[in-house]
Amino acid sequence: MFTTLEVPDDRPDRLHVRLHRPEVRNAIDRAMVLELHEVCAGLEASPRILIISGGGGVFASGADIAELRERTAADALKGINSRLFDRVAALPMPVIAAIDGWALGAGAELAYAADFRIASNRARIGNPETSLGIMAAAGATWRLPELVGEPLAKEILLAGRVLDAQEALAARLVTEVHEPEALATAADALADRIARQDPLAVQLTKSVLRAPRAEHPEVDERAQSRLFESPEKYTRMTAFLEKRAK
């Protein structure tokens, strides 16, 4: 039974997970990390779309500072958050982060690991780690430049800039902005669009997108060779041709 997460509903093609530590603004602690690993294990075994959200006007305020203050060099080398976020990023099916309110520090890094980020108009996204005497070490130093470019990433990581929803949209860090009450519906609408695609084609495309540049085009060709032999390819293309012929 989860204590720091909520699963609002459970559908065959998707899983909703809501970060739930309202007393500390959904700060990510070791217990939440372990529970999210359980979620990942389930989705690795039975691939589905994952939607991650927060609650109470907060996505996640960061790592739990009381816990973080006591961590040592040995803890840093364990990659407690970074290894979880890498696992989230590598899930077979796409991950959607629905950001309402604050997504700071580790909360922002969790969102950066998602395939899609959509936001409410009160979203605030940033990495204030250097103000606390540490750095953003769970993916922000390399994911964020890839997402928004190095100049803006440096403003966020080195100068403490926090983006509001419209700034995040302009930077393409998020792809949609909605009223807070419409955010969950928008996340499901995006998941609906993904779910209409062939799941194997989506999984292989996501895998190929993550491959190092040096592995292309061979990795693309291997994935396509699997899909060319897929019964779903024949079914979907036949349906397309029959519809066009009408």
C-alpha atoms as a PDB file:
ATOM      1  CA  MET A   1       0.000   0.000   0.000  1.00  0.00           C
ATOM      2  CA  PHE A   2       1.443   3.352  -1.031  1.00  0.00           C
ATOM      3  CA  THR A   3       1.806   6.037   1.644  1.00  0.00           C
ATOM      4  CA  THR A   4       3.278   8.901  -0.412  1.00  0.00           C
ATOM      5  CA  LEU A   5       1.465   8.247  -3.707  1.00  0.00           C
ATOM      6  CA  GLU A   6      -2.144   8.070  -4.807  1.00  0.00           C
ATOM      7  CA  VAL A   7      -3.445   6.102  -7.798  1.00  0.00           C
ATOM      8  CA  PRO A   8      -6.706   7.907  -8.684  1.00  0.00           C
ATOM      9  CA  ASP A   9      -7.779   5.351 -11.299  1.00  0.00           C
ATOM     10  CA  ASP A  10      -6.410   2.344 -13.055  1.00  0.00           C
ATOM     11  CA  ARG A  11      -7.051   1.872 -16.784  1.00  0.00           C
ATOM     12  CA  PRO A  12      -5.693  -0.787 -19.118  1.00  0.00           C
ATOM     13  CA  ASP A  13      -3.751   1.743 -21.207  1.00  0.00           C
ATOM     14  CA  ARG A  14      -2.559   4.171 -18.499  1.00  0.00           C
ATOM     15  CA  LEU A  15      -1.690   4.649 -14.872  1.00  0.00           C
ATOM     16  CA  HIS A  16      -2.251   7.871 -12.937  1.00  0.00           C
ATOM     17  CA  VAL A  17       0.120   8.493 -10.034  1.00  0.00           C
ATOM     18  CA  ARG A  18      -0.298  11.514  -7.778  1.00  0.00           C
ATOM     19  CA  LEU A  19       2.513  12.594  -5.465  1.00  0.00           C
ATOM     20  CA  HIS A  20       0.920  12.906  -2.034  1.00  0.00           C
ATOM     21  CA  ARG A  21       2.814  14.435   0.861  1.00  0.00           C
ATOM     22  CA  PRO A  22       0.698  17.555   1.359  1.00  0.00           C
ATOM     23  CA  GLU A  23       2.221  18.357   4.748  1.00  0.00           C
ATOM     24  CA  VAL A  24       5.569  19.067   3.022  1.00  0.00           C
ATOM     25  CA  ARG A  25       4.278  20.247  -0.370  1.00  0.00           C
ATOM     26  CA  ASN A  26       4.866  16.835  -1.959  1.00  0.00           C
ATOM     27  CA  ALA A  27       8.596  16.896  -1.207  1.00  0.00           C
ATOM     28  CA  ILE A  28      10.321  13.777  -2.513  1.00  0.00           C
ATOM     29  CA  ASP A  29      11.766  11.629   0.259  1.00  0.00           C
ATOM     30  CA  ARG A  30      13.295   8.154   0.318  1.00  0.00           C
ATOM     31  CA  ALA A  31       9.900   6.515   0.886  1.00  0.00           C
ATOM     32  CA  MET A  32       8.469   8.198  -2.210  1.00  0.00           C
ATOM     33  CA  VAL A  33      11.518   7.167  -4.214  1.00  0.00           C
ATOM     34  CA  LEU A  34      11.016   3.532  -3.197  1.00  0.00           C
ATOM     35  CA  GLU A  35       7.313   3.671  -4.032  1.00  0.00           C
ATOM     36  CA  LEU A  36       8.021   5.175  -7.440  1.00  0.00           C
ATOM     37  CA  HIS A  37      10.480   2.348  -8.065  1.00  0.00           C
ATOM     38  CA  GLU A  38       7.582  -0.044  -7.377  1.00  0.00           C
ATOM     39  CA  VAL A  39       5.495   1.836  -9.934  1.00  0.00           C
ATOM     40  CA  CYS A  40       8.295   1.576 -12.482  1.00  0.00           C
ATOM     41  CA  ALA A  41       8.661  -2.147 -11.890  1.00  0.00           C
ATOM     42  CA  GLY A  42       4.978  -2.640 -12.603  1.00  0.00           C
ATOM     43  CA  LEU A  43       5.113  -0.570 -15.787  1.00  0.00           C
ATOM     44  CA  GLU A  44       8.242  -2.335 -17.018  1.00  0.00           C
ATOM     45  CA  ALA A  45       6.433  -5.658 -16.637  1.00  0.00           C
ATOM     46  CA  SER A  46       3.131  -4.416 -18.110  1.00  0.00           C
ATOM     47  CA  PRO A  47       3.795  -1.291 -20.205  1.00  0.00           C
ATOM     48  CA  ARG A  48       1.258   1.519 -19.939  1.00  0.00           C
ATOM     49  CA  ILE A  49       1.265   5.285 -20.254  1.00  0.00           C
ATOM     50  CA  LEU A  50       2.177   6.950 -16.958  1.00  0.00           C
ATOM     51  CA  ILE A  51       0.672  10.280 -15.862  1.00  0.00           C
ATOM     52  CA  ILE A  52       2.383  11.906 -12.862  1.00  0.00           C
ATOM     53  CA  SER A  53       0.781  14.817 -11.034  1.00  0.00           C
ATOM     54  CA  GLY A  54       0.801  16.496  -7.640  1.00  0.00           C
ATOM     55  CA  GLY A  55      -1.988  18.004  -5.614  1.00  0.00           C
ATOM     56  CA  GLY A  56      -2.994  21.058  -3.659  1.00  0.00           C
ATOM     57  CA  GLY A  57      -1.469  23.415  -6.204  1.00  0.00           C
ATOM     58  CA  VAL A  58       1.978  21.787  -5.969  1.00  0.00           C
ATOM     59  CA  PHE A  59       3.583  19.233  -8.272  1.00  0.00           C
ATOM     60  CA  ALA A  60       6.605  18.668  -6.009  1.00  0.00           C
ATOM     61  CA  SER A  61       8.469  21.281  -4.011  1.00  0.00           C
ATOM     62  CA  GLY A  62      11.773  19.429  -4.310  1.00  0.00           C
ATOM     63  CA  ALA A  63      13.614  16.831  -2.282  1.00  0.00           C
ATOM     64  CA  ASP A  64      12.766  16.609   1.404  1.00  0.00           C
ATOM     65  CA  ILE A  65      15.222  19.128   2.881  1.00  0.00           C
ATOM     66  CA  ALA A  66      15.161  17.614   6.381  1.00  0.00           C
ATOM     67  CA  GLU A  67      16.230  14.287   4.885  1.00  0.00           C
ATOM     68  CA  LEU A  68      18.583  15.849   2.340  1.00  0.00           C
ATOM     69  CA  ARG A  69      20.454  17.816   5.026  1.00  0.00           C
ATOM     70  CA  GLU A  70      21.583  14.577   6.643  1.00  0.00           C
ATOM     71  CA  ARG A  71      22.783  12.852   3.477  1.00  0.00           C
ATOM     72  CA  THR A  72      26.502  12.217   3.085  1.00  0.00           C
ATOM     73  CA  ALA A  73      28.963  11.878   0.232  1.00  0.00           C
ATOM     74  CA  ALA A  74      28.203   8.159   0.194  1.00  0.00           C
ATOM     75  CA  ASP A  75      24.502   8.939  -0.298  1.00  0.00           C
ATOM     76  CA  ALA A  76      25.322  11.223  -3.227  1.00  0.00           C
ATOM     77  CA  LEU A  77      27.253   8.419  -4.907  1.00  0.00           C
ATOM     78  CA  LYS A  78      24.229   6.109  -4.604  1.00  0.00           C
ATOM     79  CA  GLY A  79      22.274   8.361  -6.992  1.00  0.00           C
ATOM     80  CA  ILE A  80      19.091   7.983  -4.949  1.00  0.00           C
ATOM     81  CA  ASN A  81      17.023  10.359  -7.087  1.00  0.00           C
ATOM     82  CA  SER A  82      18.991  10.239 -10.335  1.00  0.00           C
ATOM     83  CA  ARG A  83      18.655   6.479 -10.733  1.00  0.00           C
ATOM     84  CA  LEU A  84      14.920   6.667 -10.146  1.00  0.00           C
ATOM     85  CA  PHE A  85      14.499   9.457 -12.684  1.00  0.00           C
ATOM     86  CA  ASP A  86      16.582   7.538 -15.229  1.00  0.00           C
ATOM     87  CA  ARG A  87      14.237   4.595 -14.696  1.00  0.00           C
ATOM     88  CA  VAL A  88      11.190   6.832 -15.191  1.00  0.00           C
ATOM     89  CA  ALA A  89      12.685   8.215 -18.405  1.00  0.00           C
ATOM     90  CA  ALA A  90      13.387   4.707 -19.692  1.00  0.00           C
ATOM     91  CA  LEU A  91       9.875   3.319 -19.121  1.00  0.00           C
ATOM     92  CA  PRO A  92       8.625   1.515 -22.236  1.00  0.00           C
ATOM     93  CA  MET A  93       5.582   3.741 -22.801  1.00  0.00           C
ATOM     94  CA  PRO A  94       5.493   7.555 -22.637  1.00  0.00           C
ATOM     95  CA  VAL A  95       5.402   9.456 -19.350  1.00  0.00           C
ATOM     96  CA  ILE A  96       3.348  12.646 -18.936  1.00  0.00           C
ATOM     97  CA  ALA A  97       4.093  15.128 -16.146  1.00  0.00           C
ATOM     98  CA  ALA A  98       1.046  17.271 -15.361  1.00  0.00           C
ATOM     99  CA  ILE A  99       2.524  20.238 -13.501  1.00  0.00           C
ATOM    100  CA  ASP A 100       0.203  22.332 -11.365  1.00  0.00           C
ATOM    101  CA  GLY A 101       1.950  24.906  -9.224  1.00  0.00           C
ATOM    102  CA  TRP A 102       5.488  24.510  -7.948  1.00  0.00           C
ATOM    103  CA  ALA A 103       7.903  22.018  -9.511  1.00  0.00           C
ATOM    104  CA  LEU A 104      11.230  22.789  -7.882  1.00  0.00           C
ATOM    105  CA  GLY A 105      14.504  20.967  -7.410  1.00  0.00           C
ATOM    106  CA  ALA A 106      13.958  17.221  -7.543  1.00  0.00           C
ATOM    107  CA  GLY A 107      10.339  17.881  -8.495  1.00  0.00           C
ATOM    108  CA  ALA A 108      11.500  19.728 -11.589  1.00  0.00           C
ATOM    109  CA  GLU A 109      14.032  16.998 -12.345  1.00  0.00           C
ATOM    110  CA  LEU A 110      11.288  14.373 -12.170  1.00  0.00           C
ATOM    111  CA  ALA A 111       9.305  16.434 -14.690  1.00  0.00           C
ATOM    112  CA  TYR A 112      12.359  16.769 -16.951  1.00  0.00           C
ATOM    113  CA  ALA A 113      12.564  12.952 -17.058  1.00  0.00           C
ATOM    114  CA  ALA A 114       9.036  12.733 -18.498  1.00  0.00           C
ATOM    115  CA  ASP A 115       8.414  12.525 -22.241  1.00  0.00           C
ATOM    116  CA  PHE A 116       5.734  15.224 -22.083  1.00  0.00           C
ATOM    117  CA  ARG A 117       5.230  18.126 -19.697  1.00  0.00           C
ATOM    118  CA  ILE A 118       1.960  20.013 -19.595  1.00  0.00           C
ATOM    119  CA  ALA A 119       1.213  22.706 -17.055  1.00  0.00           C
ATOM    120  CA  SER A 120      -1.415  24.767 -15.367  1.00  0.00           C
ATOM    121  CA  ASN A 121      -1.219  28.527 -15.686  1.00  0.00           C
ATOM    122  CA  ARG A 122       0.056  28.729 -12.113  1.00  0.00           C
ATOM    123  CA  ALA A 123       3.021  26.409 -12.711  1.00  0.00           C
ATOM    124  CA  ARG A 124       6.435  27.530 -11.504  1.00  0.00           C
ATOM    125  CA  ILE A 125       9.476  25.481 -12.518  1.00  0.00           C
ATOM    126  CA  GLY A 126      13.051  25.880 -11.324  1.00  0.00           C
ATOM    127  CA  ASN A 127      16.133  24.482  -9.631  1.00  0.00           C
ATOM    128  CA  PRO A 128      17.154  26.409  -6.507  1.00  0.00           C
ATOM    129  CA  GLU A 129      19.684  23.810  -5.350  1.00  0.00           C
ATOM    130  CA  THR A 130      22.716  26.118  -5.442  1.00  0.00           C
ATOM    131  CA  SER A 131      20.974  28.428  -2.949  1.00  0.00           C
ATOM    132  CA  LEU A 132      21.008  25.465  -0.550  1.00  0.00           C
ATOM    133  CA  GLY A 133      24.661  24.654  -1.045  1.00  0.00           C
ATOM    134  CA  ILE A 134      24.194  21.713  -3.399  1.00  0.00           C
ATOM    135  CA  MET A 135      23.607  21.213  -7.121  1.00  0.00           C
ATOM    136  CA  ALA A 136      20.832  19.736  -9.226  1.00  0.00           C
ATOM    137  CA  ALA A 137      22.397  16.300  -9.675  1.00  0.00           C
ATOM    138  CA  ALA A 138      19.452  14.134 -10.747  1.00  0.00           C
ATOM    139  CA  GLY A 139      19.424  14.954 -14.441  1.00  0.00           C
ATOM    140  CA  ALA A 140      18.922  18.714 -14.663  1.00  0.00           C
ATOM    141  CA  THR A 141      22.498  19.519 -15.730  1.00  0.00           C
ATOM    142  CA  TRP A 142      22.105  17.496 -18.924  1.00  0.00           C
ATOM    143  CA  ARG A 143      18.367  17.065 -19.497  1.00  0.00           C
ATOM    144  CA  LEU A 144      17.522  20.737 -19.077  1.00  0.00           C
ATOM    145  CA  PRO A 145      20.035  22.035 -21.678  1.00  0.00           C
ATOM    146  CA  GLU A 146      18.673  19.451 -24.105  1.00  0.00           C
ATOM    147  CA  LEU A 147      15.132  20.668 -23.444  1.00  0.00           C
ATOM    148  CA  VAL A 148      15.554  24.465 -23.370  1.00  0.00           C
ATOM    149  CA  GLY A 149      19.099  25.183 -24.567  1.00  0.00           C
ATOM    150  CA  GLU A 150      22.229  25.962 -22.592  1.00  0.00           C
ATOM    151  CA  PRO A 151      21.744  29.732 -22.019  1.00  0.00           C
ATOM    152  CA  LEU A 152      18.346  29.369 -20.347  1.00  0.00           C
ATOM    153  CA  ALA A 153      19.437  26.228 -18.512  1.00  0.00           C
ATOM    154  CA  LYS A 154      22.324  28.184 -17.008  1.00  0.00           C
ATOM    155  CA  GLU A 155      19.963  30.926 -15.831  1.00  0.00           C
ATOM    156  CA  ILE A 156      17.857  28.308 -14.082  1.00  0.00           C
ATOM    157  CA  LEU A 157      20.689  26.203 -12.657  1.00  0.00           C
ATOM    158  CA  LEU A 158      23.283  28.887 -11.850  1.00  0.00           C
ATOM    159  CA  ALA A 159      21.213  32.011 -11.180  1.00  0.00           C
ATOM    160  CA  GLY A 160      18.068  30.563  -9.634  1.00  0.00           C
ATOM    161  CA  ARG A 161      15.632  31.667 -12.325  1.00  0.00           C
ATOM    162  CA  VAL A 162      12.149  30.195 -11.908  1.00  0.00           C
ATOM    163  CA  LEU A 163      10.000  29.968 -15.022  1.00  0.00           C
ATOM    164  CA  ASP A 164       6.307  30.695 -14.914  1.00  0.00           C
ATOM    165  CA  ALA A 165       3.918  28.751 -17.134  1.00  0.00           C
ATOM    166  CA  GLN A 166       4.070  31.095 -20.109  1.00  0.00           C
ATOM    167  CA  GLU A 167       7.865  31.292 -19.976  1.00  0.00           C
ATOM    168  CA  ALA A 168       8.040  27.495 -19.841  1.00  0.00           C
ATOM    169  CA  LEU A 169       5.685  27.295 -22.817  1.00  0.00           C
ATOM    170  CA  ALA A 170       7.743  29.797 -24.816  1.00  0.00           C
ATOM    171  CA  ALA A 171      10.873  27.760 -24.062  1.00  0.00           C
ATOM    172  CA  ARG A 172       9.017  24.545 -25.064  1.00  0.00           C
ATOM    173  CA  LEU A 173       9.782  23.075 -21.656  1.00  0.00           C
ATOM    174  CA  VAL A 174       6.039  22.470 -21.495  1.00  0.00           C
ATOM    175  CA  THR A 175       3.853  21.949 -24.554  1.00  0.00           C
ATOM    176  CA  GLU A 176       0.450  22.983 -23.194  1.00  0.00           C
ATOM    177  CA  VAL A 177      -0.892  25.373 -20.543  1.00  0.00           C
ATOM    178  CA  HIS A 178      -4.362  24.994 -19.038  1.00  0.00           C
ATOM    179  CA  GLU A 179      -6.477  26.240 -16.181  1.00  0.00           C
ATOM    180  CA  PRO A 180      -5.727  24.167 -13.060  1.00  0.00           C
ATOM    181  CA  GLU A 181      -9.116  22.476 -13.095  1.00  0.00           C
ATOM    182  CA  ALA A 182      -8.618  21.399 -16.730  1.00  0.00           C
ATOM    183  CA  LEU A 183      -5.115  19.963 -16.326  1.00  0.00           C
ATOM    184  CA  ALA A 184      -6.115  16.383 -15.492  1.00  0.00           C
ATOM    185  CA  THR A 185      -8.501  16.282 -18.449  1.00  0.00           C
ATOM    186  CA  ALA A 186      -5.760  17.611 -20.721  1.00  0.00           C
ATOM    187  CA  ALA A 187      -3.356  14.934 -19.496  1.00  0.00           C
ATOM    188  CA  ASP A 188      -5.921  12.257 -20.277  1.00  0.00           C
ATOM    189  CA  ALA A 189      -6.558  13.781 -23.713  1.00  0.00           C
ATOM    190  CA  LEU A 190      -2.840  13.562 -24.471  1.00  0.00           C
ATOM    191  CA  ALA A 191      -2.787   9.988 -23.192  1.00  0.00           C
ATOM    192  CA  ASP A 192      -5.784   9.241 -25.435  1.00  0.00           C
ATOM    193  CA  ARG A 193      -3.825  10.426 -28.475  1.00  0.00           C
ATOM    194  CA  ILE A 194      -0.887   8.232 -27.540  1.00  0.00           C
ATOM    195  CA  ALA A 195      -3.164   5.266 -26.843  1.00  0.00           C
ATOM    196  CA  ARG A 196      -4.599   5.448 -30.374  1.00  0.00           C
ATOM    197  CA  GLN A 197      -1.164   4.603 -31.778  1.00  0.00           C
ATOM    198  CA  ASP A 198       0.187   1.073 -32.062  1.00  0.00           C
ATOM    199  CA  PRO A 199       1.756   0.353 -28.632  1.00  0.00           C
ATOM    200  CA  LEU A 200       4.715  -1.577 -30.066  1.00  0.00           C
ATOM    201  CA  ALA A 201       5.452   1.197 -32.557  1.00  0.00           C
ATOM    202  CA  VAL A 202       5.315   3.757 -29.731  1.00  0.00           C
ATOM    203  CA  GLN A 203       7.614   1.685 -27.518  1.00  0.00           C
ATOM    204  CA  LEU A 204      10.191   1.116 -30.248  1.00  0.00           C
ATOM    205  CA  THR A 205      10.083   4.762 -31.345  1.00  0.00           C
ATOM    206  CA  LYS A 206      10.677   5.891 -27.774  1.00  0.00           C
ATOM    207  CA  SER A 207      13.565   3.449 -27.451  1.00  0.00           C
ATOM    208  CA  VAL A 208      15.147   4.648 -30.699  1.00  0.00           C
ATOM    209  CA  LEU A 209      14.736   8.289 -29.684  1.00  0.00           C
ATOM    210  CA  ARG A 210      16.809   7.537 -26.568  1.00  0.00           C
ATOM    211  CA  ALA A 211      19.599   5.787 -28.488  1.00  0.00           C
ATOM    212  CA  PRO A 212      22.999   7.541 -28.781  1.00  0.00           C
ATOM    213  CA  ARG A 213      23.627   9.325 -32.084  1.00  0.00           C
ATOM    214  CA  ALA A 214      26.363   6.856 -32.989  1.00  0.00           C
ATOM    215  CA  GLU A 215      23.844   3.989 -33.025  1.00  0.00           C
ATOM    216  CA  HIS A 216      21.780   5.524 -35.833  1.00  0.00           C
ATOM    217  CA  PRO A 217      20.677   4.528 -38.445  1.00  0.00           C
ATOM    218  CA  GLU A 218      21.263   0.877 -37.498  1.00  0.00           C
ATOM    219  CA  VAL A 219      19.050   1.072 -34.410  1.00  0.00           C
ATOM    220  CA  ASP A 220      16.229   2.575 -36.497  1.00  0.00           C
ATOM    221  CA  GLU A 221      16.511  -0.182 -39.074  1.00  0.00           C
ATOM    222  CA  ARG A 222      16.440  -2.953 -36.461  1.00  0.00           C
ATOM    223  CA  ALA A 223      13.338  -1.488 -34.848  1.00  0.00           C
ATOM    224  CA  GLN A 224      11.630  -1.048 -38.204  1.00  0.00           C
ATOM    225  CA  SER A 225      12.435  -4.637 -39.137  1.00  0.00           C
ATOM    226  CA  ARG A 226      10.450  -5.786 -36.101  1.00  0.00           C
ATOM    227  CA  LEU A 227       7.521  -3.572 -36.980  1.00  0.00           C
ATOM    228  CA  PHE A 228       7.499  -4.647 -40.629  1.00  0.00           C
ATOM    229  CA  GLU A 229       6.783  -8.203 -39.402  1.00  0.00           C
ATOM    230  CA  SER A 230       4.112  -7.092 -36.917  1.00  0.00           C
ATOM    231  CA  PRO A 231       0.514  -8.245 -37.527  1.00  0.00           C
ATOM    232  CA  GLU A 232      -0.641  -4.846 -36.256  1.00  0.00           C
ATOM    233  CA  LYS A 233       1.200  -3.113 -39.092  1.00  0.00           C
ATOM    234  CA  TYR A 234      -0.693  -5.195 -41.659  1.00  0.00           C
ATOM    235  CA  THR A 235      -4.039  -4.652 -39.897  1.00  0.00           C
ATOM    236  CA  ARG A 236      -3.625  -0.896 -39.571  1.00  0.00           C
ATOM    237  CA  MET A 237      -2.336  -0.383 -43.106  1.00  0.00           C
ATOM    238  CA  THR A 238      -5.111  -2.525 -44.559  1.00  0.00           C
ATOM    239  CA  ALA A 239      -7.691  -0.475 -42.668  1.00  0.00           C
ATOM    240  CA  PHE A 240      -6.094   2.730 -43.982  1.00  0.00           C
ATOM    241  CA  LEU A 241      -6.146   1.518 -47.590  1.00  0.00           C
ATOM    242  CA  GLU A 242      -9.727   0.293 -47.341  1.00  0.00           C
ATOM    243  CA  LYS A 243     -10.878   3.585 -45.881  1.00  0.00           C
ATOM    244  CA  ARG A 244      -9.088   5.550 -48.601  1.00  0.00           C
ATOM    245  CA  ALA A 245     -10.687   3.380 -51.299  1.00  0.00           C
ATOM    246  CA  LYS A 246     -14.231   4.205 -50.164  1.00  0.00           C
END
